[in-house]
């Protein structure tokens, strides 16, 4: 017989639950473009229509490891987000402003 998720979750120790929550938070904070698109509930076709390009271009873009910042910004904005470029140093994090007006 199937069990309810809430029953299973109740049996997990608080320490284990905290570890699971940390893993979920990390997974949500960092993901490839295709997973981000899926998490936003968008298909490649829907995103392509928003960007006024063909669907295969979205597939190609999502596989790239290098692209123009303007391309990435357009992609993120079409999903309803905003792109910020951050540099992390031991002393702290700095937002790079050169690209904010592109």
Protein backbone atom coordinates (compact mmCIF):
# COMPACT_ATOMS: atom_id res chain seq x y z
CA UNK A 1 0.00 0.00 0.00
CA UNK A 2 1.24 3.47 -0.86
CA UNK A 3 2.28 5.79 1.95
CA UNK A 4 1.75 9.51 2.15
CA UNK A 5 4.85 11.62 1.69
CA UNK A 6 4.03 13.51 4.90
CA UNK A 7 4.20 10.21 6.85
CA UNK A 8 7.59 9.36 5.38
CA UNK A 9 8.91 12.87 5.96
CA UNK A 10 7.79 12.74 9.61
CA UNK A 11 10.06 9.74 10.19
CA UNK A 12 13.18 11.56 8.93
CA UNK A 13 15.44 12.92 11.64
CA UNK A 14 15.71 16.71 11.96
CA UNK A 15 19.41 16.53 11.02
CA UNK A 16 18.65 14.57 7.85
CA UNK A 17 15.80 16.94 7.00
CA UNK A 18 18.19 19.91 7.36
CA UNK A 19 20.68 18.22 5.00
CA UNK A 20 17.95 17.56 2.45
CA UNK A 21 16.77 21.17 2.67
CA UNK A 22 20.35 22.38 2.05
CA UNK A 23 20.69 20.13 -1.01
CA UNK A 24 17.39 21.39 -2.42
CA UNK A 25 18.41 25.01 -1.80
CA UNK A 26 21.73 24.46 -3.59
CA UNK A 27 20.00 22.77 -6.54
CA UNK A 28 17.58 25.70 -6.82
CA UNK A 29 20.39 28.28 -6.64
CA UNK A 30 22.46 26.77 -9.46
CA UNK A 31 21.23 25.04 -12.60
CA UNK A 32 21.85 24.86 -16.34
CA UNK A 33 19.70 26.98 -18.68
CA UNK A 34 17.58 24.03 -19.83
CA UNK A 35 16.71 23.08 -16.24
CA UNK A 36 15.93 26.72 -15.45
CA UNK A 37 13.61 26.89 -18.47
CA UNK A 38 11.87 23.69 -17.37
CA UNK A 39 11.55 24.95 -13.79
CA UNK A 40 9.88 28.09 -15.17
CA UNK A 41 7.37 25.86 -16.98
CA UNK A 42 8.51 26.88 -20.46
CA UNK A 43 9.10 24.68 -23.50
CA UNK A 44 11.85 25.44 -26.00
CA UNK A 45 9.13 26.39 -28.48
CA UNK A 46 7.50 28.86 -26.08
CA UNK A 47 10.85 30.50 -25.32
CA UNK A 48 11.74 30.64 -29.01
CA UNK A 49 8.45 32.42 -29.74
CA UNK A 50 9.15 34.96 -26.98
CA UNK A 51 12.60 35.62 -28.47
CA UNK A 52 11.29 35.58 -32.07
CA UNK A 53 13.70 32.82 -33.09
CA UNK A 54 13.36 29.16 -34.13
CA UNK A 55 13.17 26.34 -31.54
CA UNK A 56 16.42 24.65 -32.72
CA UNK A 57 18.26 27.87 -31.81
CA UNK A 58 17.10 27.45 -28.20
CA UNK A 59 18.31 23.85 -28.14
CA UNK A 60 21.70 24.95 -29.50
CA UNK A 61 21.95 27.85 -27.05
CA UNK A 62 21.19 25.62 -24.05
CA UNK A 63 24.10 23.33 -24.99
CA UNK A 64 26.64 26.13 -25.30
CA UNK A 65 29.29 26.71 -22.67
CA UNK A 66 30.22 30.15 -23.99
CA UNK A 67 27.97 32.94 -25.27
CA UNK A 68 27.56 36.68 -25.43
CA UNK A 69 26.26 38.33 -22.29
CA UNK A 70 23.56 40.03 -24.38
CA UNK A 71 22.38 36.61 -25.62
CA UNK A 72 22.22 35.24 -22.10
CA UNK A 73 20.45 38.40 -20.87
CA UNK A 74 17.79 38.08 -23.61
CA UNK A 75 17.29 34.42 -22.75
CA UNK A 76 16.87 35.12 -19.03
CA UNK A 77 14.58 38.11 -19.62
CA UNK A 78 12.37 36.03 -21.94
CA UNK A 79 11.90 33.66 -18.97
CA UNK A 80 10.83 36.60 -16.82
CA UNK A 81 14.10 37.18 -14.98
CA UNK A 82 16.92 39.71 -14.79
CA UNK A 83 20.60 38.93 -15.33
CA UNK A 84 23.24 40.23 -12.94
CA UNK A 85 26.97 39.59 -13.28
CA UNK A 86 28.66 39.05 -9.91
CA UNK A 87 32.32 38.58 -9.02
CA UNK A 88 32.99 36.68 -5.78
CA UNK A 89 36.18 37.39 -3.84
CA UNK A 90 37.30 36.31 -0.35
CA UNK A 91 36.59 39.87 0.81
CA UNK A 92 33.07 39.93 -0.61
CA UNK A 93 30.90 39.99 -3.72
CA UNK A 94 30.84 42.79 -6.30
CA UNK A 95 28.16 43.37 -8.94
CA UNK A 96 29.78 44.22 -12.29
CA UNK A 97 27.92 47.26 -13.61
CA UNK A 98 29.39 47.40 -17.14
CA UNK A 99 26.71 45.10 -18.49
CA UNK A 100 23.64 46.49 -16.75
CA UNK A 101 22.71 48.86 -19.61
CA UNK A 102 23.26 46.44 -22.50
